[in-house]
């Protein structure tokens, strides 16, 4: 993946996680009492293979392979992915409150996430942000 694509994906990650965190928390620019600091790290990424990723989702044999990947939690053939780390800490004390490292991609059967080179990786970012939202909701109970 080119440095330009990496930067585009990192910017997209910041945008999506900010949107999700903004649903539950007030986002501020400076640390203060009662604030948290979220650190996002894009640890790896791969773009989808043009044409092959789309074709592999349309042909019958590709559909079977991708259905198997979906059933086992795997990635679609020739689909891009993103790996990332999230750390949330108390902004004043630096105490780590939450940490998560994972890899995500688009749903293995989602053909629409394979048209553009970064589409599957972006779908992975959205999935990661949604997962964080669910975990924050669970912790808030």
C-alpha atoms as a PDB file:
ATOM      1  CA  UNK A   1       0.000   0.000   0.000  1.00  0.00           C
ATOM      2  CA  UNK A   2       1.346   3.409  -0.933  1.00  0.00           C
ATOM      3  CA  UNK A   3       2.128   6.056   1.673  1.00  0.00           C
ATOM      4  CA  UNK A   4      -0.701   8.160   0.207  1.00  0.00           C
ATOM      5  CA  UNK A   5      -3.185   5.306   0.698  1.00  0.00           C
ATOM      6  CA  UNK A   6      -1.905   4.721   4.241  1.00  0.00           C
ATOM      7  CA  UNK A   7      -2.417   8.396   5.069  1.00  0.00           C
ATOM      8  CA  UNK A   8      -5.896   8.365   3.507  1.00  0.00           C
ATOM      9  CA  UNK A   9      -6.810   5.292   5.552  1.00  0.00           C
ATOM     10  CA  UNK A  10      -5.404   6.797   8.771  1.00  0.00           C
ATOM     11  CA  UNK A  11      -7.426   9.986   8.169  1.00  0.00           C
ATOM     12  CA  UNK A  12     -10.535   7.911   7.495  1.00  0.00           C
ATOM     13  CA  UNK A  13      -9.903   5.981  10.717  1.00  0.00           C
ATOM     14  CA  UNK A  14      -9.647   9.227  12.708  1.00  0.00           C
ATOM     15  CA  UNK A  15     -12.876  10.501  11.129  1.00  0.00           C
ATOM     16  CA  UNK A  16     -14.868   7.294  11.777  1.00  0.00           C
ATOM     17  CA  UNK A  17     -13.685   6.783  15.351  1.00  0.00           C
ATOM     18  CA  UNK A  18     -14.323  10.464  16.151  1.00  0.00           C
ATOM     19  CA  UNK A  19     -17.854  10.117  14.778  1.00  0.00           C
ATOM     20  CA  UNK A  20     -18.511   7.004  16.886  1.00  0.00           C
ATOM     21  CA  UNK A  21     -16.926   8.361  20.069  1.00  0.00           C
ATOM     22  CA  UNK A  22     -18.820  11.632  19.566  1.00  0.00           C
ATOM     23  CA  UNK A  23     -22.113   9.749  19.899  1.00  0.00           C
ATOM     24  CA  UNK A  24     -21.388   8.943  23.550  1.00  0.00           C
ATOM     25  CA  UNK A  25     -18.772  11.458  24.611  1.00  0.00           C
ATOM     26  CA  UNK A  26     -18.140  15.158  24.179  1.00  0.00           C
ATOM     27  CA  UNK A  27     -14.962  15.512  22.127  1.00  0.00           C
ATOM     28  CA  UNK A  28     -12.501  18.143  23.344  1.00  0.00           C
ATOM     29  CA  UNK A  29      -9.149  19.357  22.022  1.00  0.00           C
ATOM     30  CA  UNK A  30      -7.359  19.722  25.352  1.00  0.00           C
ATOM     31  CA  UNK A  31      -7.141  17.330  28.322  1.00  0.00           C
ATOM     32  CA  UNK A  32      -8.784  18.376  31.546  1.00  0.00           C
ATOM     33  CA  UNK A  33     -10.501  16.934  34.596  1.00  0.00           C
ATOM     34  CA  UNK A  34     -12.805  14.070  33.679  1.00  0.00           C
ATOM     35  CA  UNK A  35     -11.450  13.688  30.148  1.00  0.00           C
ATOM     36  CA  UNK A  36     -10.119  10.676  28.309  1.00  0.00           C
ATOM     37  CA  UNK A  37      -7.428  10.413  25.669  1.00  0.00           C
ATOM     38  CA  UNK A  38      -7.983   8.009  22.799  1.00  0.00           C
ATOM     39  CA  UNK A  39      -4.959   6.811  20.845  1.00  0.00           C
ATOM     40  CA  UNK A  40      -5.561   5.122  17.502  1.00  0.00           C
ATOM     41  CA  UNK A  41      -2.764   3.347  15.715  1.00  0.00           C
ATOM     42  CA  UNK A  42      -3.036   1.937  12.225  1.00  0.00           C
ATOM     43  CA  UNK A  43      -0.724  -1.060  12.591  1.00  0.00           C
ATOM     44  CA  UNK A  44      -1.182  -2.591   9.144  1.00  0.00           C
ATOM     45  CA  UNK A  45      -3.337  -2.497   6.046  1.00  0.00           C
ATOM     46  CA  UNK A  46      -3.683  -4.021   2.639  1.00  0.00           C
ATOM     47  CA  UNK A  47      -5.693  -2.772  -0.311  1.00  0.00           C
ATOM     48  CA  UNK A  48      -8.000  -5.056  -2.252  1.00  0.00           C
ATOM     49  CA  UNK A  49      -6.603  -6.515  -5.457  1.00  0.00           C
ATOM     50  CA  UNK A  50      -8.395  -4.648  -8.246  1.00  0.00           C
ATOM     51  CA  UNK A  51     -10.635  -6.716 -10.517  1.00  0.00           C
ATOM     52  CA  UNK A  52      -9.745 -10.024  -8.807  1.00  0.00           C
ATOM     53  CA  UNK A  53     -11.520  -9.070  -5.592  1.00  0.00           C
ATOM     54  CA  UNK A  54     -14.689  -8.147  -7.488  1.00  0.00           C
ATOM     55  CA  UNK A  55     -14.593 -11.157  -9.816  1.00  0.00           C
ATOM     56  CA  UNK A  56     -13.996 -13.529  -6.899  1.00  0.00           C
ATOM     57  CA  UNK A  57     -17.237 -12.304  -5.339  1.00  0.00           C
ATOM     58  CA  UNK A  58     -19.297 -12.864  -8.495  1.00  0.00           C
ATOM     59  CA  UNK A  59     -18.155 -16.225  -9.854  1.00  0.00           C
ATOM     60  CA  UNK A  60     -19.828 -19.290  -8.266  1.00  0.00           C
ATOM     61  CA  UNK A  61     -16.586 -20.813  -7.008  1.00  0.00           C
ATOM     62  CA  UNK A  62     -15.611 -17.484  -5.436  1.00  0.00           C
ATOM     63  CA  UNK A  63     -19.004 -17.215  -3.785  1.00  0.00           C
ATOM     64  CA  UNK A  64     -18.521 -20.637  -2.194  1.00  0.00           C
ATOM     65  CA  UNK A  65     -15.024 -19.756  -0.973  1.00  0.00           C
ATOM     66  CA  UNK A  66     -16.160 -16.392   0.382  1.00  0.00           C
ATOM     67  CA  UNK A  67     -19.201 -17.954   2.071  1.00  0.00           C
ATOM     68  CA  UNK A  68     -16.824 -20.332   3.834  1.00  0.00           C
ATOM     69  CA  UNK A  69     -14.599 -17.428   4.840  1.00  0.00           C
ATOM     70  CA  UNK A  70     -17.611 -15.525   6.157  1.00  0.00           C
ATOM     71  CA  UNK A  71     -18.788 -18.541   8.176  1.00  0.00           C
ATOM     72  CA  UNK A  72     -15.387 -18.885   9.845  1.00  0.00           C
ATOM     73  CA  UNK A  73     -14.823 -15.163  10.404  1.00  0.00           C
ATOM     74  CA  UNK A  74     -12.236 -14.892   7.636  1.00  0.00           C
ATOM     75  CA  UNK A  75     -11.614 -12.287   4.958  1.00  0.00           C
ATOM     76  CA  UNK A  76     -12.960 -12.417   1.437  1.00  0.00           C
ATOM     77  CA  UNK A  77     -10.583 -13.460  -1.325  1.00  0.00           C
ATOM     78  CA  UNK A  78      -8.358 -10.675  -2.616  1.00  0.00           C
ATOM     79  CA  UNK A  79     -10.054  -8.266  -0.166  1.00  0.00           C
ATOM     80  CA  UNK A  80      -8.220  -5.580   1.708  1.00  0.00           C
ATOM     81  CA  UNK A  81      -8.016  -5.354   5.482  1.00  0.00           C
ATOM     82  CA  UNK A  82      -6.857  -3.111   8.292  1.00  0.00           C
ATOM     83  CA  UNK A  83      -5.201  -3.894  11.621  1.00  0.00           C
ATOM     84  CA  UNK A  84      -5.282  -1.351  14.402  1.00  0.00           C
ATOM     85  CA  UNK A  85      -4.832  -0.616  18.083  1.00  0.00           C
ATOM     86  CA  UNK A  86      -7.051   1.500  20.325  1.00  0.00           C
ATOM     87  CA  UNK A  87      -5.966   2.762  23.723  1.00  0.00           C
ATOM     88  CA  UNK A  88      -8.145   4.871  25.974  1.00  0.00           C
ATOM     89  CA  UNK A  89      -6.603   6.412  29.044  1.00  0.00           C
ATOM     90  CA  UNK A  90      -7.422   8.959  31.724  1.00  0.00           C
ATOM     91  CA  UNK A  91      -6.096  12.188  30.204  1.00  0.00           C
ATOM     92  CA  UNK A  92      -4.866  13.530  33.555  1.00  0.00           C
ATOM     93  CA  UNK A  93      -3.241  10.480  35.108  1.00  0.00           C
ATOM     94  CA  UNK A  94      -2.357   8.455  32.008  1.00  0.00           C
ATOM     95  CA  UNK A  95      -4.040   5.376  33.541  1.00  0.00           C
ATOM     96  CA  UNK A  96      -4.926   2.902  30.815  1.00  0.00           C
ATOM     97  CA  UNK A  97      -8.659   2.201  30.905  1.00  0.00           C
ATOM     98  CA  UNK A  98      -9.160   0.246  27.676  1.00  0.00           C
ATOM     99  CA  UNK A  99      -6.947  -1.370  25.061  1.00  0.00           C
ATOM    100  CA  UNK A 100      -7.828  -3.394  22.002  1.00  0.00           C
ATOM    101  CA  UNK A 101      -5.793  -4.700  19.069  1.00  0.00           C
ATOM    102  CA  UNK A 102      -7.461  -6.397  16.110  1.00  0.00           C
ATOM    103  CA  UNK A 103      -7.689  -6.865  12.378  1.00  0.00           C
ATOM    104  CA  UNK A 104     -10.858  -6.156  10.394  1.00  0.00           C
ATOM    105  CA  UNK A 105     -12.089  -6.347   6.844  1.00  0.00           C
ATOM    106  CA  UNK A 106     -15.374  -6.127   5.022  1.00  0.00           C
ATOM    107  CA  UNK A 107     -17.954  -8.858   5.290  1.00  0.00           C
ATOM    108  CA  UNK A 108     -16.526 -11.665   3.119  1.00  0.00           C
ATOM    109  CA  UNK A 109     -19.690 -11.716   0.985  1.00  0.00           C
ATOM    110  CA  UNK A 110     -19.960  -7.928   0.538  1.00  0.00           C
ATOM    111  CA  UNK A 111     -19.227  -7.338  -3.130  1.00  0.00           C
ATOM    112  CA  UNK A 112     -19.720  -3.575  -2.789  1.00  0.00           C
ATOM    113  CA  UNK A 113     -16.711  -3.374  -0.463  1.00  0.00           C
ATOM    114  CA  UNK A 114     -14.444  -4.597  -3.245  1.00  0.00           C
ATOM    115  CA  UNK A 115     -14.952  -2.069  -6.039  1.00  0.00           C
ATOM    116  CA  UNK A 116     -12.204   0.327  -4.933  1.00  0.00           C
ATOM    117  CA  UNK A 117      -8.776  -0.574  -3.604  1.00  0.00           C
ATOM    118  CA  UNK A 118      -9.418   0.826  -0.118  1.00  0.00           C
ATOM    119  CA  UNK A 119     -13.121  -0.033   0.155  1.00  0.00           C
ATOM    120  CA  UNK A 120     -12.663  -3.278   2.129  1.00  0.00           C
ATOM    121  CA  UNK A 121     -10.097  -1.678   4.470  1.00  0.00           C
ATOM    122  CA  UNK A 122     -12.486   1.248   5.043  1.00  0.00           C
ATOM    123  CA  UNK A 123     -15.281  -1.235   5.772  1.00  0.00           C
ATOM    124  CA  UNK A 124     -12.907  -2.776   8.316  1.00  0.00           C
ATOM    125  CA  UNK A 125     -12.392   0.627   9.930  1.00  0.00           C
ATOM    126  CA  UNK A 126     -16.163   1.159  10.159  1.00  0.00           C
ATOM    127  CA  UNK A 127     -16.553  -2.299  11.696  1.00  0.00           C
ATOM    128  CA  UNK A 128     -13.815  -1.533  14.221  1.00  0.00           C
ATOM    129  CA  UNK A 129     -15.416   1.787  15.193  1.00  0.00           C
ATOM    130  CA  UNK A 130     -18.811   0.109  15.576  1.00  0.00           C
ATOM    131  CA  UNK A 131     -17.229  -2.599  17.751  1.00  0.00           C
ATOM    132  CA  UNK A 132     -15.739   0.082  20.017  1.00  0.00           C
ATOM    133  CA  UNK A 133     -19.160   1.756  20.244  1.00  0.00           C
ATOM    134  CA  UNK A 134     -20.739  -1.553  21.347  1.00  0.00           C
ATOM    135  CA  UNK A 135     -18.040  -2.120  23.943  1.00  0.00           C
ATOM    136  CA  UNK A 136     -18.428   1.396  25.348  1.00  0.00           C
ATOM    137  CA  UNK A 137     -22.196   0.883  25.548  1.00  0.00           C
ATOM    138  CA  UNK A 138     -21.655  -2.377  27.429  1.00  0.00           C
ATOM    139  CA  UNK A 139     -19.232  -0.685  29.860  1.00  0.00           C
ATOM    140  CA  UNK A 140     -21.654   2.197  30.448  1.00  0.00           C
ATOM    141  CA  UNK A 141     -24.304  -0.155  31.864  1.00  0.00           C
END
